[in-house]
Amino acid sequence: MPPFDGEAWIAARLHSFRNPGESYEIHDAYGRWIRISEKRTPDGGYVAVQTDITDMKQIEEELSNRVTQMRDNQDQLERQSMELAALAEDLSADRDQAERAVSSKSEFLATMSHEIRTPMNGVIGMTGMLLDTDLDTDQRVYADSSHCKRRWSRDSSHGWSIHRPSAPPRRC
């Protein structure tokens, strides 16, 4: 509680004396709030009514604090809403970029599959034709091995696969 200001109290009392009918409030040294209403009587006297409004002031203060807290909460929610909107926009842009990347990858793989499959079909066909000719034993083993590996790669359920040299040889 602020210290008692005698000059201000005297000025307030003089003002209320000169302007009867206005009520005013004081906060006393015991922490109570008092509303004083003064009226002049027809015979020139004064009537003063003092009302303890401490409970009302406490409720007003509590209400004011809650309003301030609600405004602070509203400001925080608005900031969070803007942050969430910005995050949603960023995520949308990232999703669009990822979708474009997947589309580009799919297009690239389709093109590469075609580019690899076309010459490989030629190699398989030529190897098949080579096997229909007279070859010595070593040539036939190499051509047969090559033909078998190419056919296995083409028939694989995962598309074209690369034969690992460390893997055991497959039988056709």
C-alpha atoms as a PDB file:
ATOM      1  CA  MET A   1       0.000   0.000   0.000  1.00  0.00           C
ATOM      2  CA  PRO A   2       1.399   3.444  -0.858  1.00  0.00           C
ATOM      3  CA  PRO A   3       2.245   5.745   2.056  1.00  0.00           C
ATOM      4  CA  PHE A   4      -0.430   8.158   3.216  1.00  0.00           C
ATOM      5  CA  ASP A   5      -0.382  11.446   1.301  1.00  0.00           C
ATOM      6  CA  GLY A   6      -1.873  14.083   3.613  1.00  0.00           C
ATOM      7  CA  GLU A   7      -1.860  16.849   0.999  1.00  0.00           C
ATOM      8  CA  ALA A   8      -3.790  14.709  -1.501  1.00  0.00           C
ATOM      9  CA  TRP A   9      -6.292  13.728   1.201  1.00  0.00           C
ATOM     10  CA  ILE A  10      -6.908  17.371   2.150  1.00  0.00           C
ATOM     11  CA  ALA A  11      -7.321  18.321  -1.530  1.00  0.00           C
ATOM     12  CA  ALA A  12      -9.833  15.481  -2.001  1.00  0.00           C
ATOM     13  CA  ARG A  13     -11.767  16.505   1.101  1.00  0.00           C
ATOM     14  CA  LEU A  14     -11.930  20.153  -0.048  1.00  0.00           C
ATOM     15  CA  HIS A  15     -13.097  19.038  -3.480  1.00  0.00           C
ATOM     16  CA  SER A  16     -15.864  16.891  -1.989  1.00  0.00           C
ATOM     17  CA  PHE A  17     -16.868  19.739   0.360  1.00  0.00           C
ATOM     18  CA  ARG A  18     -17.152  22.142  -2.563  1.00  0.00           C
ATOM     19  CA  ASN A  19     -18.903  19.556  -4.768  1.00  0.00           C
ATOM     20  CA  PRO A  20     -21.308  17.637  -2.540  1.00  0.00           C
ATOM     21  CA  GLY A  21     -23.150  14.755  -4.123  1.00  0.00           C
ATOM     22  CA  GLU A  22     -20.044  13.127  -5.607  1.00  0.00           C
ATOM     23  CA  SER A  23     -18.904   9.968  -3.909  1.00  0.00           C
ATOM     24  CA  TYR A  24     -15.280   9.015  -3.513  1.00  0.00           C
ATOM     25  CA  GLU A  25     -13.298   6.053  -2.329  1.00  0.00           C
ATOM     26  CA  ILE A  26     -10.450   5.801   0.130  1.00  0.00           C
ATOM     27  CA  HIS A  27      -8.099   2.983   0.984  1.00  0.00           C
ATOM     28  CA  ASP A  28      -7.466   3.156   4.720  1.00  0.00           C
ATOM     29  CA  ALA A  29      -4.411   2.179   6.701  1.00  0.00           C
ATOM     30  CA  TYR A  30      -5.973  -1.211   7.582  1.00  0.00           C
ATOM     31  CA  GLY A  31      -6.343  -2.242   3.943  1.00  0.00           C
ATOM     32  CA  ARG A  32     -10.088  -1.591   3.750  1.00  0.00           C
ATOM     33  CA  TRP A  33     -11.751   0.281   0.923  1.00  0.00           C
ATOM     34  CA  ILE A  34     -14.447   2.760   1.937  1.00  0.00           C
ATOM     35  CA  ARG A  35     -16.870   4.586  -0.372  1.00  0.00           C
ATOM     36  CA  ILE A  36     -18.052   7.889   1.053  1.00  0.00           C
ATOM     37  CA  SER A  37     -21.138   9.598  -0.293  1.00  0.00           C
ATOM     38  CA  GLU A  38     -21.935  13.029   1.103  1.00  0.00           C
ATOM     39  CA  LYS A  39     -25.081  15.100   0.557  1.00  0.00           C
ATOM     40  CA  ARG A  40     -26.146  18.520   1.767  1.00  0.00           C
ATOM     41  CA  THR A  41     -29.305  18.712   3.669  1.00  0.00           C
ATOM     42  CA  PRO A  42     -31.877  21.483   3.085  1.00  0.00           C
ATOM     43  CA  ASP A  43     -30.888  23.157   6.346  1.00  0.00           C
ATOM     44  CA  GLY A  44     -27.192  23.430   5.193  1.00  0.00           C
ATOM     45  CA  GLY A  45     -25.806  20.398   7.001  1.00  0.00           C
ATOM     46  CA  TYR A  46     -24.144  17.327   5.584  1.00  0.00           C
ATOM     47  CA  VAL A  47     -25.059  13.667   5.596  1.00  0.00           C
ATOM     48  CA  ALA A  48     -22.271  11.196   4.884  1.00  0.00           C
ATOM     49  CA  VAL A  49     -22.706   7.510   4.206  1.00  0.00           C
ATOM     50  CA  GLN A  50     -19.637   5.300   4.444  1.00  0.00           C
ATOM     51  CA  THR A  51     -19.793   1.866   2.846  1.00  0.00           C
ATOM     52  CA  ASP A  52     -17.130  -0.805   3.201  1.00  0.00           C
ATOM     53  CA  ILE A  53     -16.462  -1.923  -0.378  1.00  0.00           C
ATOM     54  CA  THR A  54     -13.355  -4.003   0.356  1.00  0.00           C
ATOM     55  CA  ASP A  55     -14.934  -7.250  -0.884  1.00  0.00           C
ATOM     56  CA  MET A  56     -16.132  -5.534  -4.052  1.00  0.00           C
ATOM     57  CA  LYS A  57     -12.644  -4.087  -4.680  1.00  0.00           C
ATOM     58  CA  GLN A  58     -11.065  -7.509  -4.172  1.00  0.00           C
ATOM     59  CA  ILE A  59     -13.513  -9.035  -6.648  1.00  0.00           C
ATOM     60  CA  GLU A  60     -12.814  -6.193  -9.106  1.00  0.00           C
ATOM     61  CA  GLU A  61      -9.072  -6.769  -8.748  1.00  0.00           C
ATOM     62  CA  GLU A  62      -9.487 -10.525  -9.206  1.00  0.00           C
ATOM     63  CA  LEU A  63     -11.699  -9.925 -12.229  1.00  0.00           C
ATOM     64  CA  SER A  64      -9.182  -7.456 -13.659  1.00  0.00           C
ATOM     65  CA  ASN A  65      -6.383  -9.996 -13.146  1.00  0.00           C
ATOM     66  CA  ARG A  66      -8.427 -12.691 -14.871  1.00  0.00           C
ATOM     67  CA  VAL A  67      -9.220 -10.386 -17.791  1.00  0.00           C
ATOM     68  CA  THR A  68      -5.502  -9.587 -18.116  1.00  0.00           C
ATOM     69  CA  GLN A  69      -4.664 -13.282 -17.956  1.00  0.00           C
ATOM     70  CA  MET A  70      -7.311 -14.067 -20.570  1.00  0.00           C
ATOM     71  CA  ARG A  71      -5.923 -11.366 -22.874  1.00  0.00           C
ATOM     72  CA  ASP A  72      -2.430 -12.758 -22.400  1.00  0.00           C
ATOM     73  CA  ASN A  73      -3.740 -16.263 -23.151  1.00  0.00           C
ATOM     74  CA  GLN A  74      -5.554 -14.965 -26.224  1.00  0.00           C
ATOM     75  CA  ASP A  75      -2.376 -13.271 -27.462  1.00  0.00           C
ATOM     76  CA  GLN A  76      -0.432 -16.481 -26.876  1.00  0.00           C
ATOM     77  CA  LEU A  77      -3.070 -18.535 -28.712  1.00  0.00           C
ATOM     78  CA  GLU A  78      -3.022 -16.111 -31.634  1.00  0.00           C
ATOM     79  CA  ARG A  79       0.787 -16.365 -31.813  1.00  0.00           C
ATOM     80  CA  GLN A  80       0.593 -20.152 -31.665  1.00  0.00           C
ATOM     81  CA  SER A  81      -2.103 -20.149 -34.325  1.00  0.00           C
ATOM     82  CA  MET A  82       0.097 -18.082 -36.617  1.00  0.00           C
ATOM     83  CA  GLU A  83       3.050 -20.389 -35.915  1.00  0.00           C
ATOM     84  CA  LEU A  84       0.910 -23.447 -36.677  1.00  0.00           C
ATOM     85  CA  ALA A  85      -0.324 -21.853 -39.885  1.00  0.00           C
ATOM     86  CA  ALA A  86       3.279 -21.157 -40.907  1.00  0.00           C
ATOM     87  CA  LEU A  87       4.268 -24.741 -40.042  1.00  0.00           C
ATOM     88  CA  ALA A  88       1.316 -26.096 -42.019  1.00  0.00           C
ATOM     89  CA  GLU A  89       2.369 -23.974 -44.975  1.00  0.00           C
ATOM     90  CA  ASP A  90       5.967 -25.211 -44.657  1.00  0.00           C
ATOM     91  CA  LEU A  91       4.798 -28.819 -44.378  1.00  0.00           C
ATOM     92  CA  SER A  92       2.577 -28.373 -47.404  1.00  0.00           C
ATOM     93  CA  ALA A  93       5.504 -26.986 -49.391  1.00  0.00           C
ATOM     94  CA  ASP A  94       7.721 -29.851 -48.188  1.00  0.00           C
ATOM     95  CA  ARG A  95       5.035 -32.391 -49.112  1.00  0.00           C
ATOM     96  CA  ASP A  96       4.712 -30.860 -52.578  1.00  0.00           C
ATOM     97  CA  GLN A  97       8.486 -30.957 -52.998  1.00  0.00           C
ATOM     98  CA  ALA A  98       8.596 -34.599 -51.852  1.00  0.00           C
ATOM     99  CA  GLU A  99       5.801 -35.505 -54.280  1.00  0.00           C
ATOM    100  CA  ARG A 100       7.696 -33.819 -57.104  1.00  0.00           C
ATOM    101  CA  ALA A 101      10.851 -35.724 -56.088  1.00  0.00           C
ATOM    102  CA  VAL A 102       8.977 -39.047 -56.063  1.00  0.00           C
ATOM    103  CA  SER A 103       7.483 -38.243 -59.455  1.00  0.00           C
ATOM    104  CA  SER A 104      10.910 -37.326 -60.840  1.00  0.00           C
ATOM    105  CA  LYS A 105      12.408 -40.505 -59.388  1.00  0.00           C
ATOM    106  CA  SER A 106       9.637 -42.632 -60.891  1.00  0.00           C
ATOM    107  CA  GLU A 107      10.063 -40.961 -64.259  1.00  0.00           C
ATOM    108  CA  PHE A 108      13.854 -41.406 -64.076  1.00  0.00           C
ATOM    109  CA  LEU A 109      13.552 -45.084 -63.143  1.00  0.00           C
ATOM    110  CA  ALA A 110      11.040 -45.704 -65.907  1.00  0.00           C
ATOM    111  CA  THR A 111      13.339 -44.047 -68.428  1.00  0.00           C
ATOM    112  CA  MET A 112      16.418 -45.888 -67.149  1.00  0.00           C
ATOM    113  CA  SER A 113      14.559 -49.197 -67.113  1.00  0.00           C
ATOM    114  CA  HIS A 114      13.619 -48.653 -70.740  1.00  0.00           C
ATOM    115  CA  GLU A 115      17.149 -47.537 -71.631  1.00  0.00           C
ATOM    116  CA  ILE A 116      18.646 -50.627 -69.972  1.00  0.00           C
ATOM    117  CA  ARG A 117      15.991 -53.113 -71.072  1.00  0.00           C
ATOM    118  CA  THR A 118      16.225 -52.249 -74.767  1.00  0.00           C
ATOM    119  CA  PRO A 119      19.943 -53.024 -75.205  1.00  0.00           C
ATOM    120  CA  MET A 120      19.722 -55.976 -72.784  1.00  0.00           C
ATOM    121  CA  ASN A 121      17.012 -57.527 -74.935  1.00  0.00           C
ATOM    122  CA  GLY A 122      19.376 -57.120 -77.855  1.00  0.00           C
ATOM    123  CA  VAL A 123      22.190 -58.783 -75.903  1.00  0.00           C
ATOM    124  CA  ILE A 124      19.926 -61.663 -74.869  1.00  0.00           C
ATOM    125  CA  GLY A 125      18.728 -62.105 -78.424  1.00  0.00           C
ATOM    126  CA  MET A 126      22.253 -61.994 -79.818  1.00  0.00           C
ATOM    127  CA  THR A 127      23.481 -64.413 -77.130  1.00  0.00           C
ATOM    128  CA  GLY A 128      20.623 -66.762 -78.007  1.00  0.00           C
ATOM    129  CA  MET A 129      21.588 -66.561 -81.679  1.00  0.00           C
ATOM    130  CA  LEU A 130      25.249 -67.113 -80.740  1.00  0.00           C
ATOM    131  CA  LEU A 131      24.279 -70.262 -78.844  1.00  0.00           C
ATOM    132  CA  ASP A 132      22.633 -71.585 -82.036  1.00  0.00           C
ATOM    133  CA  THR A 133      26.026 -71.545 -83.767  1.00  0.00           C
ATOM    134  CA  ASP A 134      29.037 -73.840 -83.572  1.00  0.00           C
ATOM    135  CA  LEU A 135      31.040 -72.811 -80.516  1.00  0.00           C
ATOM    136  CA  ASP A 136      33.922 -74.520 -78.807  1.00  0.00           C
ATOM    137  CA  THR A 137      33.392 -75.663 -75.211  1.00  0.00           C
ATOM    138  CA  ASP A 138      34.779 -72.541 -73.512  1.00  0.00           C
ATOM    139  CA  GLN A 139      32.777 -70.206 -75.786  1.00  0.00           C
ATOM    140  CA  ARG A 140      29.574 -72.147 -75.144  1.00  0.00           C
ATOM    141  CA  VAL A 141      30.105 -72.042 -71.352  1.00  0.00           C
ATOM    142  CA  TYR A 142      30.604 -68.258 -71.435  1.00  0.00           C
ATOM    143  CA  ALA A 143      27.692 -67.613 -73.825  1.00  0.00           C
ATOM    144  CA  ASP A 144      25.384 -69.987 -71.923  1.00  0.00           C
ATOM    145  CA  SER A 145      26.348 -68.401 -68.601  1.00  0.00           C
ATOM    146  CA  SER A 146      25.743 -64.918 -69.988  1.00  0.00           C
ATOM    147  CA  HIS A 147      22.408 -65.921 -71.539  1.00  0.00           C
ATOM    148  CA  CYS A 148      21.241 -67.546 -68.275  1.00  0.00           C
ATOM    149  CA  LYS A 149      22.190 -64.521 -66.121  1.00  0.00           C
ATOM    150  CA  ARG A 150      20.505 -62.058 -68.446  1.00  0.00           C
ATOM    151  CA  ARG A 151      17.330 -64.088 -68.580  1.00  0.00           C
ATOM    152  CA  TRP A 152      17.301 -64.460 -64.776  1.00  0.00           C
ATOM    153  CA  SER A 153      17.771 -60.695 -64.370  1.00  0.00           C
ATOM    154  CA  ARG A 154      14.945 -59.960 -66.798  1.00  0.00           C
ATOM    155  CA  ASP A 155      12.590 -62.488 -65.174  1.00  0.00           C
ATOM    156  CA  SER A 156      13.277 -61.304 -61.625  1.00  0.00           C
ATOM    157  CA  SER A 157      10.170 -60.048 -59.803  1.00  0.00           C
ATOM    158  CA  HIS A 158      12.067 -56.903 -58.800  1.00  0.00           C
ATOM    159  CA  GLY A 159      12.775 -55.811 -62.355  1.00  0.00           C
ATOM    160  CA  TRP A 160      16.320 -55.668 -63.580  1.00  0.00           C
ATOM    161  CA  SER A 161      18.836 -56.622 -60.946  1.00  0.00           C
ATOM    162  CA  ILE A 162      22.571 -56.581 -60.949  1.00  0.00           C
ATOM    163  CA  HIS A 163      24.328 -59.923 -60.599  1.00  0.00           C
ATOM    164  CA  ARG A 164      26.773 -59.848 -57.713  1.00  0.00           C
ATOM    165  CA  PRO A 165      30.070 -61.525 -58.552  1.00  0.00           C
ATOM    166  CA  SER A 166      30.325 -62.926 -55.003  1.00  0.00           C
ATOM    167  CA  ALA A 167      26.986 -64.748 -55.323  1.00  0.00           C
ATOM    168  CA  PRO A 168      27.102 -68.422 -56.224  1.00  0.00           C
ATOM    169  CA  PRO A 169      26.390 -69.110 -59.906  1.00  0.00           C
ATOM    170  CA  ARG A 170      22.756 -69.842 -60.697  1.00  0.00           C
ATOM    171  CA  ARG A 171      21.593 -72.693 -62.794  1.00  0.00           C
ATOM    172  CA  CYS A 172      19.151 -71.790 -65.572  1.00  0.00           C
END
